[in-house]
Amino acid sequence: MEQIFLFVLNNAITVNALIVAIIAVRALGKKMPKWIICMLWLIVAVKLIVPVHFESGFSLIPTREPIPTEIVMEKSAKDDSGVSSLDNEKDFASDTMTDNSYGNVTQISDAELTGNAGSVDNDSILAKIEQVMFYLYIGWIVWAAGMGVMLMYAVITYILTRKRVSASVKTASGVYECDDISDSFILGIISPRVYLPSTLSEDAKGYILKHEFAHLSRYDHVWKPLGFVILSVYWFNPLCWIAYILLCRDIEYACDEKVARNIEKIEKAEYCRVLLEYSIPRSMIAACPVAFGGIDVKSRIKNVANYKKPAFWITVASIMVCVGVGVCFATSRGTEEAKVDEKASQAQAENVGKQSVDGKWYGIAAAGDCILLEKQQPKQDTTSYEYNMKNIFESPEAALKVLESDGEDWGMIASDDNYVVLARREQIADGNLTSESDARWDEQLRESNNSILKEYLADDSANYMDMILKMRGDNDLNN
């Protein structure tokens, strides 16, 4: 269930941009046909309920999963992912870092590196995972309770309305009159019925039936309850409430527009009069029924009075805007990247306990108090330093963290896109480094050291030890 809740959370986050875009289109597109604006809300519904994600290179949404679904993996997978990389980083620094071409090496023992750093890191990672899972579980309970309340409200509203019209009388096919209601509405989804107050005049009844039959022809008796069900799932998102309220308004606007398109200009005034006279204000959001009046009556009357059939180019432009909004805000980017990530995740799950060699940093050389890291799998002939899977770090910062676990001061003295030189800045026990030479590792020399590193990388015949000596400014590593 946590995975379902996470799916809902991700949808609730990514749909916000789409809703805001539609609100902006509504505000700017005053001349757009109202039925096209209703189609925009249909895009929102599709995005929120369809589990298949659509991706496009034109999308402005960077990811379809702002909250990674990997956080609900099995507990064993979490433990492995939280421990293996830390253990490998510690093993790297605990090995003797030997350059067979030179006798001067730094011996870093297990006793110097173990301490409490590894266990503390592992415990903190597992604690964070457990905390996230706990919050997800609590969130799922609150979300399910809220959704249950919303759906119960819809069911109770339907039952009470059904009971209120139980004594109605059929006057035509699908049309019923009732003494116990004061407003006209449609009730039912599969077999919808139009209910009219028995006090309506014949003239008013004609215009109201035009309106209700326009609702039926547009299947508004289906879209409105569906919108409320979706709102019940995403009840915690304020923008979804705004979207539902605007959907109810746009449904009425589109229906009025359809009626106005099929009546004479002189009849528009009478239709507006009936709309004003028989409108019942509502203070609550309803899942059903689809009613004749009560929603933004003033704006509806204004729209009917000013309605003119839109020009062909306005309709075409509106459809293009609708498509553009859908492509830009209802999809996400990175189809190929997503496939690569998915395959990588599957490969990692199939090789639990094995260290990945992609995107890691490798210790490929060590001499004196310096270590050279490379960001790709090193060539076997890079140095005579023995390469093995233990000499792997997640990042240079992770390497520094391991090296400084015994209290010594290590720093990054040179860096390139794929190479980093780490050095111990403190004076070592044998006194080989003086305070003057130690100061050379400070940040002020980073630029010159980077130049030395680039020269070393550009020259295939360059020697690693010569690069270190040149960075130190010494003629001998022991002087």
Protein backbone atom coordinates (compact mmCIF):
# COMPACT_ATOMS: atom_id res chain seq x y z
CA MET A 1 0.00 0.00 0.00
CA GLU A 2 2.92 2.33 0.61
CA GLN A 3 3.81 2.01 -3.07
CA ILE A 4 0.29 3.11 -4.06
CA PHE A 5 0.53 6.05 -1.66
CA LEU A 6 3.92 6.97 -3.13
CA PHE A 7 2.42 6.83 -6.63
CA VAL A 8 -0.35 9.20 -5.49
CA LEU A 9 2.19 11.53 -3.85
CA ASN A 10 4.30 11.74 -6.99
CA ASN A 11 1.23 12.41 -9.13
CA ALA A 12 0.04 15.08 -6.71
CA ILE A 13 3.38 16.86 -6.98
CA THR A 14 3.84 16.66 -10.75
CA VAL A 15 0.22 17.61 -11.56
CA ASN A 16 0.56 20.98 -9.83
CA ALA A 17 2.34 22.56 -12.79
CA LEU A 18 -0.39 21.30 -15.14
CA ILE A 19 -3.18 22.73 -12.98
CA VAL A 20 -1.44 26.10 -12.70
CA ALA A 21 -0.93 26.15 -16.48
CA ILE A 22 -4.65 25.45 -17.07
CA ILE A 23 -5.65 28.18 -14.62
CA ALA A 24 -3.42 30.59 -16.56
CA VAL A 25 -4.97 29.49 -19.87
CA ARG A 26 -8.48 30.02 -18.43
CA ALA A 27 -7.55 33.52 -17.30
CA LEU A 28 -5.96 34.53 -20.60
CA GLY A 29 -8.18 32.64 -23.04
CA LYS A 30 -11.45 34.49 -22.54
CA LYS A 31 -12.51 33.77 -26.13
CA MET A 32 -11.67 30.07 -26.01
CA PRO A 33 -14.65 27.72 -26.46
CA LYS A 34 -15.59 26.41 -23.03
CA TRP A 35 -15.71 22.81 -24.17
CA ILE A 36 -12.00 23.00 -24.98
CA ILE A 37 -11.26 24.22 -21.46
CA CYS A 38 -13.18 21.19 -20.18
CA MET A 39 -10.87 19.03 -22.29
CA LEU A 40 -7.92 20.54 -20.42
CA TRP A 41 -9.40 19.25 -17.16
CA LEU A 42 -9.76 15.85 -18.82
CA ILE A 43 -5.97 15.88 -19.31
CA VAL A 44 -5.60 16.42 -15.56
CA ALA A 45 -7.88 13.45 -14.88
CA VAL A 46 -5.91 11.20 -17.23
CA LYS A 47 -2.63 12.18 -15.60
CA LEU A 48 -3.96 11.50 -12.11
CA ILE A 49 -5.62 8.12 -12.71
CA VAL A 50 -3.71 6.44 -15.54
CA PRO A 51 -0.71 4.50 -14.16
CA VAL A 52 1.15 4.73 -17.48
CA HIS A 53 3.45 7.75 -17.64
CA PHE A 54 3.75 9.61 -20.92
CA GLU A 55 7.12 11.15 -21.76
CA SER A 56 8.13 13.80 -24.26
CA GLY A 57 11.22 15.71 -25.21
CA PHE A 58 9.17 18.92 -25.02
CA SER A 59 8.06 18.30 -21.45
CA LEU A 60 8.82 20.95 -18.82
CA ILE A 61 8.47 18.40 -16.01
CA PRO A 62 11.98 17.07 -15.23
CA THR A 63 10.92 13.81 -13.60
CA ARG A 64 7.80 11.76 -13.08
CA GLU A 65 8.98 10.62 -9.64
CA PRO A 66 10.06 13.54 -7.42
CA ILE A 67 10.01 11.05 -4.54
CA PRO A 68 12.04 7.98 -5.63
CA THR A 69 10.11 4.73 -5.36
CA GLU A 70 13.31 2.94 -4.31
CA ILE A 71 12.72 4.02 -0.71
CA VAL A 72 10.12 1.26 -0.37
CA MET A 73 12.51 -1.55 -1.33
CA GLU A 74 12.86 -4.66 0.76
CA LYS A 75 14.65 -4.24 4.08
CA SER A 76 17.49 -6.54 3.04
CA ALA A 77 18.15 -4.45 -0.06
CA LYS A 78 18.30 -1.33 2.09
CA ASP A 79 20.79 -2.94 4.45
CA ASP A 80 23.02 -4.06 1.58
CA SER A 81 22.94 -0.70 -0.15
CA GLY A 82 23.67 1.10 3.09
CA VAL A 83 26.63 -1.05 4.16
CA SER A 84 28.51 -2.28 1.13
CA SER A 85 29.85 1.03 -0.13
CA LEU A 86 30.98 2.09 3.31
CA ASP A 87 32.76 -1.20 3.90
CA ASN A 88 34.56 -0.98 0.56
CA GLU A 89 35.68 2.57 1.25
CA LYS A 90 37.14 1.54 4.59
CA ASP A 91 38.85 -1.50 3.06
CA PHE A 92 40.49 0.71 0.43
CA ALA A 93 42.21 2.94 2.94
CA SER A 94 43.06 0.04 5.26
CA ASP A 95 45.10 -1.72 2.57
CA THR A 96 48.78 -0.90 2.18
CA MET A 97 48.97 1.69 -0.58
CA THR A 98 52.14 0.62 -2.33
CA ASP A 99 53.89 1.93 -5.42
CA ASN A 100 56.40 -0.79 -6.41
CA SER A 101 58.51 1.71 -8.31
CA TYR A 102 59.34 3.64 -5.15
CA GLY A 103 60.08 2.64 -1.63
CA ASN A 104 58.42 5.55 0.09
CA VAL A 105 54.81 4.71 0.94
CA THR A 106 52.34 5.55 3.64
CA GLN A 107 51.20 2.55 5.67
CA ILE A 108 47.55 3.03 6.71
CA SER A 109 46.51 0.22 9.01
CA ASP A 110 43.11 -1.16 9.97
CA ALA A 111 43.56 0.17 13.48
CA GLU A 112 43.93 3.71 12.13
CA LEU A 113 40.76 3.55 10.08
CA THR A 114 38.17 1.48 11.91
CA GLY A 115 37.03 3.43 14.95
CA ASN A 116 33.33 4.08 15.08
CA ALA A 117 32.88 5.91 11.75
CA GLY A 118 31.65 2.91 9.74
CA SER A 119 29.18 1.62 12.29
CA VAL A 120 27.84 5.10 12.99
CA ASP A 121 27.31 5.74 9.28
CA ASN A 122 25.58 2.42 8.75
CA ASP A 123 23.33 2.89 11.76
CA SER A 124 22.40 6.42 10.71
CA ILE A 125 21.55 5.30 7.17
CA LEU A 126 19.36 2.46 8.44
CA ALA A 127 17.73 4.80 10.96
CA LYS A 128 16.89 7.29 8.20
CA ILE A 129 15.41 4.52 6.05
CA GLU A 130 13.27 3.31 8.94
CA GLN A 131 12.18 6.90 9.64
CA VAL A 132 11.13 7.43 6.02
CA MET A 133 9.19 4.16 6.01
CA PHE A 134 7.48 5.13 9.27
CA TYR A 135 6.40 8.50 7.86
CA LEU A 136 5.15 6.79 4.70
CA TYR A 137 3.08 4.39 6.80
CA ILE A 138 1.56 7.21 8.87
CA GLY A 139 0.94 9.22 5.70
CA TRP A 140 -0.80 6.25 4.10
CA ILE A 141 -3.13 5.89 7.10
CA VAL A 142 -4.05 9.60 7.08
CA TRP A 143 -4.50 9.58 3.29
CA ALA A 144 -6.72 6.47 3.36
CA ALA A 145 -8.83 7.92 6.18
CA GLY A 146 -9.36 11.20 4.31
CA MET A 147 -10.24 9.36 1.11
CA GLY A 148 -12.73 7.21 3.02
CA VAL A 149 -14.43 10.29 4.48
CA MET A 150 -14.73 11.91 1.04
CA LEU A 151 -16.20 8.81 -0.60
CA MET A 152 -18.58 8.27 2.31
CA TYR A 153 -19.80 11.86 1.90
CA ALA A 154 -20.48 11.21 -1.79
CA VAL A 155 -22.39 7.99 -1.06
CA ILE A 156 -24.48 9.57 1.71
CA THR A 157 -25.27 12.58 -0.50
CA TYR A 158 -26.44 10.28 -3.29
CA ILE A 159 -28.59 8.17 -0.94
CA LEU A 160 -30.24 11.22 0.63
CA THR A 161 -30.94 12.78 -2.77
CA ARG A 162 -32.33 9.50 -4.06
CA LYS A 163 -34.60 9.26 -1.06
CA ARG A 164 -35.81 12.84 -1.53
CA VAL A 165 -36.96 12.16 -5.12
CA SER A 166 -38.46 8.77 -4.39
CA ALA A 167 -41.99 10.22 -4.69
CA SER A 168 -41.40 11.85 -8.09
CA VAL A 169 -43.73 11.43 -11.08
CA LYS A 170 -42.55 10.61 -14.60
CA THR A 171 -43.70 13.20 -17.16
CA ALA A 172 -41.59 12.22 -20.17
CA SER A 173 -38.85 9.81 -21.15
CA GLY A 174 -36.12 10.28 -18.53
CA VAL A 175 -37.86 13.33 -17.01
CA TYR A 176 -39.47 13.37 -13.55
CA GLU A 177 -41.21 16.00 -11.46
CA CYS A 178 -41.03 16.14 -7.68
CA ASP A 179 -42.69 18.28 -4.99
CA ASP A 180 -39.79 17.93 -2.54
CA ILE A 181 -37.06 19.63 -4.56
CA SER A 182 -36.47 23.29 -5.36
CA ASP A 183 -33.89 22.95 -8.15
CA SER A 184 -33.53 20.93 -11.34
CA PHE A 185 -30.76 18.36 -11.64
CA ILE A 186 -29.63 15.07 -13.18
CA LEU A 187 -29.21 12.04 -10.95
CA GLY A 188 -27.63 8.76 -11.95
CA ILE A 189 -24.73 7.65 -14.14
CA ILE A 190 -25.78 4.51 -16.00
CA SER A 191 -29.48 5.45 -16.28
CA PRO A 192 -29.54 9.19 -15.62
CA ARG A 193 -32.81 10.95 -14.88
CA VAL A 194 -33.74 14.63 -15.06
CA TYR A 195 -35.63 15.83 -11.99
CA LEU A 196 -37.66 19.07 -12.12
CA PRO A 197 -39.52 20.93 -9.37
CA SER A 198 -43.25 20.56 -9.86
CA THR A 199 -43.70 24.33 -9.42
CA LEU A 200 -41.93 25.24 -12.70
CA SER A 201 -43.82 27.16 -15.35
CA GLU A 202 -44.02 25.66 -18.83
CA ASP A 203 -41.73 28.32 -20.33
CA ALA A 204 -39.09 27.84 -17.63
CA LYS A 205 -39.40 24.07 -17.94
CA GLY A 206 -38.55 24.24 -21.64
CA TYR A 207 -35.34 26.19 -21.14
CA ILE A 208 -34.27 24.11 -18.14
CA LEU A 209 -34.78 20.89 -20.11
CA LYS A 210 -32.62 22.30 -22.92
CA HIS A 211 -29.90 22.89 -20.33
CA GLU A 212 -30.20 19.45 -18.70
CA PHE A 213 -30.29 17.62 -22.04
CA ALA A 214 -27.17 19.54 -23.04
CA HIS A 215 -25.54 18.13 -19.89
CA LEU A 216 -26.61 14.62 -20.90
CA SER A 217 -25.28 15.00 -24.44
CA ARG A 218 -21.91 16.08 -23.01
CA TYR A 219 -21.89 13.23 -20.42
CA ASP A 220 -21.44 15.74 -17.63
CA HIS A 221 -23.35 13.37 -15.32
CA VAL A 222 -20.30 11.08 -15.69
CA TRP A 223 -17.47 13.62 -15.63
CA LYS A 224 -18.56 15.43 -12.47
CA PRO A 225 -18.80 12.32 -10.23
CA LEU A 226 -15.55 11.04 -11.73
CA GLY A 227 -13.91 14.35 -10.87
CA PHE A 228 -15.10 14.04 -7.27
CA VAL A 229 -13.74 10.50 -7.00
CA ILE A 230 -10.35 11.75 -8.21
CA LEU A 231 -10.57 14.63 -5.72
CA SER A 232 -11.26 12.06 -2.99
CA VAL A 233 -7.96 10.35 -3.82
CA TYR A 234 -5.99 13.61 -3.98
CA TRP A 235 -7.90 15.42 -1.21
CA PHE A 236 -4.65 16.59 0.44
CA ASN A 237 -3.63 18.70 -2.58
CA PRO A 238 -5.19 22.21 -2.44
CA LEU A 239 -4.71 22.69 -6.18
CA CYS A 240 -6.85 19.61 -6.84
CA TRP A 241 -9.69 21.26 -4.90
CA ILE A 242 -9.29 24.39 -6.99
CA ALA A 243 -9.26 22.26 -10.15
CA TYR A 244 -12.51 20.51 -9.18
CA ILE A 245 -14.28 23.79 -8.38
CA LEU A 246 -13.19 25.25 -11.71
CA LEU A 247 -14.23 22.06 -13.50
CA CYS A 248 -17.77 22.39 -12.11
CA ARG A 249 -17.89 25.99 -13.33
CA ASP A 250 -16.52 25.15 -16.77
CA ILE A 251 -19.04 22.33 -17.14
CA GLU A 252 -21.86 24.83 -16.61
CA TYR A 253 -20.22 27.41 -18.90
CA ALA A 254 -19.87 24.83 -21.68
CA CYS A 255 -23.46 23.68 -21.23
CA ASP A 256 -24.80 27.25 -21.33
CA GLU A 257 -22.68 27.86 -24.40
CA LYS A 258 -24.18 24.85 -26.14
CA VAL A 259 -27.72 26.01 -25.35
CA ALA A 260 -26.96 29.57 -26.50
CA ARG A 261 -25.58 28.24 -29.77
CA ASN A 262 -28.92 26.56 -30.55
CA ILE A 263 -31.39 29.29 -29.60
CA GLU A 264 -32.29 32.62 -31.15
CA LYS A 265 -30.82 35.85 -29.86
CA ILE A 266 -34.17 36.98 -28.47
CA GLU A 267 -34.43 33.73 -26.49
CA LYS A 268 -31.13 34.37 -24.74
CA ALA A 269 -32.74 37.03 -22.55
CA GLU A 270 -35.47 34.62 -21.44
CA TYR A 271 -32.91 31.88 -20.80
CA CYS A 272 -30.89 34.27 -18.62
CA ARG A 273 -34.05 35.26 -16.72
CA VAL A 274 -34.86 31.64 -15.98
CA LEU A 275 -31.28 30.99 -15.00
CA LEU A 276 -31.37 33.86 -12.52
CA GLU A 277 -34.85 33.10 -11.16
CA TYR A 278 -34.35 29.39 -10.54
CA SER A 279 -30.76 29.39 -9.35
CA ILE A 280 -30.25 28.03 -5.83
CA PRO A 281 -26.99 29.15 -4.17
CA ARG A 282 -24.84 26.31 -2.81
CA SER A 283 -22.22 26.57 -0.08
CA MET A 284 -20.82 23.03 -0.28
CA ILE A 285 -18.98 21.10 -2.95
CA ALA A 286 -21.18 18.29 -4.23
CA ALA A 287 -20.23 15.08 -5.97
CA CYS A 288 -23.72 14.84 -7.43
CA PRO A 289 -26.04 15.80 -8.92
CA VAL A 290 -25.49 17.95 -11.99
CA ALA A 291 -27.79 20.88 -11.23
CA PHE A 292 -29.27 23.66 -13.35
CA GLY A 293 -28.16 26.70 -11.35
CA GLY A 294 -26.27 27.78 -8.27
CA ILE A 295 -22.73 27.98 -9.69
CA ASP A 296 -21.40 31.45 -10.56
CA VAL A 297 -24.75 32.56 -11.97
CA LYS A 298 -23.62 36.14 -12.64
CA SER A 299 -20.74 35.07 -14.91
CA ARG A 300 -22.92 32.49 -16.64
CA ILE A 301 -25.55 35.08 -17.51
CA LYS A 302 -22.86 37.40 -18.82
CA ASN A 303 -21.37 34.61 -20.98
CA VAL A 304 -24.76 33.71 -22.44
CA ALA A 305 -25.64 37.33 -23.19
CA ASN A 306 -22.30 37.98 -24.91
CA TYR A 307 -21.97 34.63 -26.65
CA LYS A 308 -20.90 34.63 -30.29
CA LYS A 309 -19.86 31.66 -32.28
CA PRO A 310 -16.04 31.66 -32.15
CA ALA A 311 -14.10 32.10 -35.37
CA PHE A 312 -12.54 29.01 -36.90
CA TRP A 313 -9.01 30.21 -36.21
CA ILE A 314 -9.85 30.73 -32.51
CA THR A 315 -11.05 27.14 -32.26
CA VAL A 316 -7.94 25.82 -34.02
CA ALA A 317 -5.63 27.96 -31.86
CA SER A 318 -7.45 26.80 -28.72
CA ILE A 319 -6.98 23.16 -29.70
CA MET A 320 -3.28 23.79 -30.32
CA VAL A 321 -2.97 25.43 -26.89
CA CYS A 322 -4.70 22.41 -25.37
CA VAL A 323 -2.27 20.04 -27.06
CA GLY A 324 0.70 22.20 -26.09
CA VAL A 325 -0.32 22.29 -22.42
CA GLY A 326 -0.74 18.53 -22.43
CA VAL A 327 2.64 17.87 -24.03
CA CYS A 328 4.55 20.34 -21.87
CA PHE A 329 2.93 19.71 -18.48
CA ALA A 330 1.20 16.30 -18.57
CA THR A 331 4.31 14.40 -19.66
CA SER A 332 7.81 14.03 -18.25
CA ARG A 333 11.22 14.07 -19.84
CA GLY A 334 13.88 11.43 -20.28
CA THR A 335 12.48 8.27 -21.85
CA GLU A 336 15.91 6.90 -22.67
CA GLU A 337 17.39 8.03 -19.37
CA ALA A 338 14.54 6.40 -17.48
CA LYS A 339 15.11 3.12 -19.34
CA VAL A 340 18.83 3.22 -18.58
CA ASP A 341 18.16 3.94 -14.90
CA GLU A 342 15.64 1.13 -14.72
CA LYS A 343 18.05 -1.34 -16.28
CA ALA A 344 20.81 -0.17 -13.95
CA SER A 345 18.54 -0.66 -10.94
CA GLN A 346 17.64 -4.15 -12.10
CA ALA A 347 21.27 -5.01 -12.63
CA GLN A 348 22.15 -3.73 -9.17
CA ALA A 349 19.34 -5.76 -7.59
CA GLU A 350 20.55 -8.90 -9.38
CA ASN A 351 24.10 -8.43 -8.16
CA VAL A 352 23.56 -7.74 -4.47
CA GLY A 353 26.87 -7.71 -2.67
CA LYS A 354 28.86 -6.97 -5.81
CA GLN A 355 30.49 -3.56 -6.12
CA SER A 356 29.50 -1.61 -9.20
CA VAL A 357 32.41 -0.18 -11.23
CA ASP A 358 30.50 2.58 -12.95
CA GLY A 359 30.65 6.15 -11.72
CA LYS A 360 33.01 5.38 -8.80
CA TRP A 361 36.35 6.85 -7.77
CA TYR A 362 39.36 4.50 -7.69
CA GLY A 363 42.61 4.78 -5.81
CA ILE A 364 45.17 4.07 -8.53
CA ALA A 365 48.40 5.38 -6.99
CA ALA A 366 49.83 6.29 -3.59
CA ALA A 367 53.18 7.69 -2.46
CA GLY A 368 54.29 9.64 0.56
CA ASP A 369 51.20 11.30 1.94
CA CYS A 370 49.36 11.58 -1.39
CA ILE A 371 46.69 9.47 -3.08
CA LEU A 372 45.56 9.72 -6.71
CA LEU A 373 41.88 8.95 -7.42
CA GLU A 374 40.42 8.27 -10.87
CA LYS A 375 36.70 8.52 -11.69
CA GLN A 376 36.57 5.65 -14.19
CA GLN A 377 37.72 2.09 -14.16
CA PRO A 378 41.52 2.49 -14.33
CA LYS A 379 43.68 0.90 -16.97
CA GLN A 380 45.81 -1.93 -15.70
CA ASP A 381 49.00 -0.17 -16.82
CA THR A 382 48.20 3.22 -15.22
CA THR A 383 50.61 2.57 -12.35
CA SER A 384 52.24 -0.40 -10.72
CA TYR A 385 49.90 0.10 -7.78
CA GLU A 386 47.78 -3.01 -7.35
CA TYR A 387 44.15 -2.28 -8.28
CA ASN A 388 41.35 -4.25 -6.65
CA MET A 389 37.65 -3.79 -5.91
CA LYS A 390 38.36 -2.57 -2.38
CA ASN A 391 39.98 0.61 -3.65
CA ILE A 392 36.65 2.20 -4.56
CA PHE A 393 34.99 5.32 -3.19
CA GLU A 394 31.58 6.82 -3.87
CA SER A 395 33.17 10.28 -4.12
CA PRO A 396 36.38 12.16 -3.20
CA GLU A 397 34.55 13.52 -0.17
CA ALA A 398 33.82 9.96 0.94
CA ALA A 399 37.51 9.12 0.59
CA LEU A 400 38.45 12.15 2.71
CA LYS A 401 35.95 11.08 5.35
CA VAL A 402 37.51 7.64 5.61
CA LEU A 403 41.08 8.96 5.61
CA GLU A 404 40.26 11.49 8.34
CA SER A 405 38.60 8.92 10.57
CA ASP A 406 41.74 8.73 12.75
CA GLY A 407 41.76 12.50 13.35
CA GLU A 408 44.33 13.49 10.72
CA ASP A 409 43.82 16.38 8.35
CA TRP A 410 43.54 15.41 4.69
CA GLY A 411 42.70 17.74 1.85
CA MET A 412 42.03 17.86 -1.88
CA ILE A 413 45.09 19.61 -3.34
CA ALA A 414 44.38 19.15 -7.04
CA SER A 415 41.40 18.11 -9.12
CA ASP A 416 40.32 17.47 -12.68
CA ASP A 417 37.06 16.19 -14.17
CA ASN A 418 38.16 12.59 -13.71
CA TYR A 419 41.15 12.83 -11.34
CA VAL A 420 41.70 14.08 -7.79
CA VAL A 421 44.85 14.25 -5.65
CA LEU A 422 44.36 13.90 -1.89
CA ALA A 423 47.15 14.78 0.57
CA ARG A 424 47.67 14.69 4.31
CA ARG A 425 48.20 18.27 5.44
CA GLU A 426 49.29 17.51 9.00
CA GLN A 427 52.94 16.95 9.86
CA ILE A 428 53.58 13.22 9.97
CA ALA A 429 55.36 11.42 12.76
CA ASP A 430 58.74 11.00 11.01
CA GLY A 431 59.01 14.76 10.44
CA ASN A 432 59.36 14.56 6.67
CA LEU A 433 56.93 17.44 6.29
CA THR A 434 57.68 20.82 7.81
CA SER A 435 55.16 23.54 8.43
CA GLU A 436 56.38 25.24 5.25
CA SER A 437 55.84 22.20 3.06
CA ASP A 438 52.57 21.43 4.80
CA ALA A 439 51.28 24.90 3.88
CA ARG A 440 51.77 24.10 0.21
CA TRP A 441 48.69 21.90 0.35
CA ASP A 442 46.46 24.84 1.22
CA GLU A 443 43.75 26.15 -1.08
CA GLN A 444 45.92 29.00 -2.32
CA LEU A 445 48.04 26.52 -4.31
CA ARG A 446 45.09 24.62 -5.75
CA GLU A 447 45.28 26.43 -9.09
CA SER A 448 48.98 25.72 -9.63
CA ASN A 449 48.55 22.11 -8.52
CA ASN A 450 45.71 21.72 -11.01
CA SER A 451 48.06 22.85 -13.77
CA ILE A 452 50.64 20.29 -12.64
CA LEU A 453 47.97 17.60 -12.63
CA LYS A 454 46.87 18.53 -16.16
CA GLU A 455 50.48 18.34 -17.37
CA TYR A 456 50.83 14.89 -15.82
CA LEU A 457 47.60 13.65 -17.41
CA ALA A 458 48.52 15.07 -20.83
CA ASP A 459 51.92 13.34 -20.89
CA ASP A 460 51.67 9.56 -21.14
CA SER A 461 55.32 9.21 -20.18
CA ALA A 462 54.99 11.37 -17.05
CA ASN A 463 55.80 9.77 -13.71
CA TYR A 464 53.37 9.94 -10.79
CA MET A 465 56.16 10.46 -8.24
CA ASP A 466 57.57 13.34 -10.28
CA MET A 467 54.13 14.98 -10.23
CA ILE A 468 53.94 14.69 -6.43
CA LEU A 469 57.46 16.09 -6.02
CA LYS A 470 56.63 18.97 -8.32
CA MET A 471 53.49 19.79 -6.34
CA ARG A 472 55.53 19.75 -3.13
CA GLY A 473 58.33 21.73 -4.66
CA ASP A 474 60.82 19.19 -3.30
CA ASN A 475 63.66 17.39 -4.98
CA ASP A 476 63.24 14.31 -2.89
CA LEU A 477 60.20 12.87 -1.22
CA ASN A 478 62.05 12.46 2.06
CA ASN A 479 63.46 15.98 2.18
